[in-house]
Amino acid sequence: AVGGKEALGSMGNDAALAVLSEYPRQVNDYFKQLFAQVTNPPIDPIREEIVMSLVCPVGPEGNLLADPGPEHSQRLVVRHPVLTLEE
């Protein structure tokens, strides 16, 4: 690589695995983890409302095993992440 930096790949790396190489390799080459760098389409909450939600709980989550008390009512559940002036 020019400049001593690793090359970036968008869909994978076709370099041979260090384990299968016939040449001596550095120890860190055996522990290299690759991540897919793929762009995902934007989330569409209208068409995908069956599998996703815009509900945003705000505040501390109470203990589910404890008896309901006043501390459980301090959690605000907002239907949309953007609030209007009236809300």
Protein backbone atom coordinates (compact mmCIF):
# COMPACT_ATOMS: atom_id res chain seq x y z
CA ALA A 1 0.00 0.00 0.00
CA VAL A 2 1.21 3.45 -0.83
CA GLY A 3 1.95 5.55 2.24
CA GLY A 4 1.89 2.58 4.63
CA LYS A 5 -1.90 2.57 5.04
CA GLU A 6 -4.30 -0.33 4.60
CA ALA A 7 -6.36 -0.31 1.45
CA LEU A 8 -10.11 0.10 1.82
CA GLY A 9 -12.43 -2.32 0.08
CA SER A 10 -16.16 -1.94 -0.26
CA MET A 11 -17.34 -5.51 -0.76
CA GLY A 12 -14.61 -7.67 0.74
CA ASN A 13 -10.95 -8.49 0.71
CA ASP A 14 -9.54 -10.99 -1.79
CA ALA A 15 -6.14 -11.28 -0.08
CA ALA A 16 -5.07 -14.78 0.94
CA LEU A 17 -5.50 -15.74 4.56
CA ALA A 18 -2.33 -15.51 6.64
CA VAL A 19 -2.77 -19.15 7.68
CA LEU A 20 -2.59 -20.32 4.06
CA SER A 21 0.34 -18.10 3.06
CA GLU A 22 3.68 -19.65 2.14
CA TYR A 23 5.53 -16.54 3.31
CA PRO A 24 6.17 -15.48 6.92
CA ARG A 25 3.49 -13.09 8.17
CA GLN A 26 3.20 -10.77 11.16
CA VAL A 27 1.27 -12.04 14.15
CA ASN A 28 -1.47 -9.40 13.79
CA ASP A 29 -2.25 -10.65 10.25
CA TYR A 30 -3.73 -13.81 11.81
CA PHE A 31 -6.24 -11.78 13.86
CA LYS A 32 -7.54 -9.37 11.24
CA GLN A 33 -11.30 -8.85 11.22
CA LEU A 34 -13.02 -7.48 8.14
CA PHE A 35 -16.26 -5.53 8.18
CA ALA A 36 -18.64 -5.12 5.28
CA GLN A 37 -18.83 -1.50 4.17
CA VAL A 38 -22.18 -1.50 2.44
CA THR A 39 -24.56 1.43 2.32
CA ASN A 40 -28.07 0.60 3.46
CA PRO A 41 -31.19 2.32 2.14
CA PRO A 42 -32.86 4.80 4.49
CA ILE A 43 -35.44 3.45 6.90
CA ASP A 44 -39.02 4.08 5.82
CA PRO A 45 -41.24 4.05 8.95
CA ILE A 46 -44.46 4.36 6.92
CA ARG A 47 -43.97 1.26 4.73
CA GLU A 48 -42.21 -0.74 7.43
CA GLU A 49 -44.52 0.05 10.36
CA ILE A 50 -45.17 -3.67 10.95
CA VAL A 51 -41.53 -4.36 11.88
CA MET A 52 -40.39 -1.04 13.33
CA SER A 53 -41.57 1.69 15.65
CA LEU A 54 -40.73 5.35 16.22
CA VAL A 55 -41.80 5.21 19.88
CA CYS A 56 -39.12 6.76 22.10
CA PRO A 57 -39.25 5.98 25.83
CA VAL A 58 -37.60 8.76 27.82
CA GLY A 59 -36.55 8.41 31.45
CA PRO A 60 -35.52 5.65 33.80
CA GLU A 61 -36.91 2.18 33.28
CA GLY A 62 -38.49 0.77 36.41
CA ASN A 63 -37.75 -2.63 37.89
CA LEU A 64 -40.08 -5.15 36.22
CA LEU A 65 -39.95 -7.46 39.24
CA ALA A 66 -40.94 -4.80 41.80
CA ASP A 67 -44.47 -3.81 42.69
CA PRO A 68 -45.75 -0.86 40.60
CA GLY A 69 -45.22 2.42 42.39
CA PRO A 70 -44.79 6.15 41.77
CA GLU A 71 -41.31 5.63 40.30
CA HIS A 72 -42.87 3.67 37.42
CA SER A 73 -44.89 6.69 36.28
CA GLN A 74 -41.79 8.85 35.67
CA ARG A 75 -41.11 7.30 32.26
CA LEU A 76 -42.38 9.31 29.30
CA VAL A 77 -43.30 7.47 26.11
CA VAL A 78 -43.18 9.70 23.03
CA ARG A 79 -44.92 8.43 19.87
CA HIS A 80 -42.56 10.29 17.51
CA PRO A 81 -38.95 11.40 18.03
CA VAL A 82 -39.85 14.98 17.02
CA LEU A 83 -42.04 17.00 19.39
CA THR A 84 -44.31 19.85 18.37
CA LEU A 85 -44.81 23.00 20.44
CA GLU A 86 -48.13 21.66 21.78
CA GLU A 87 -46.52 18.45 23.01
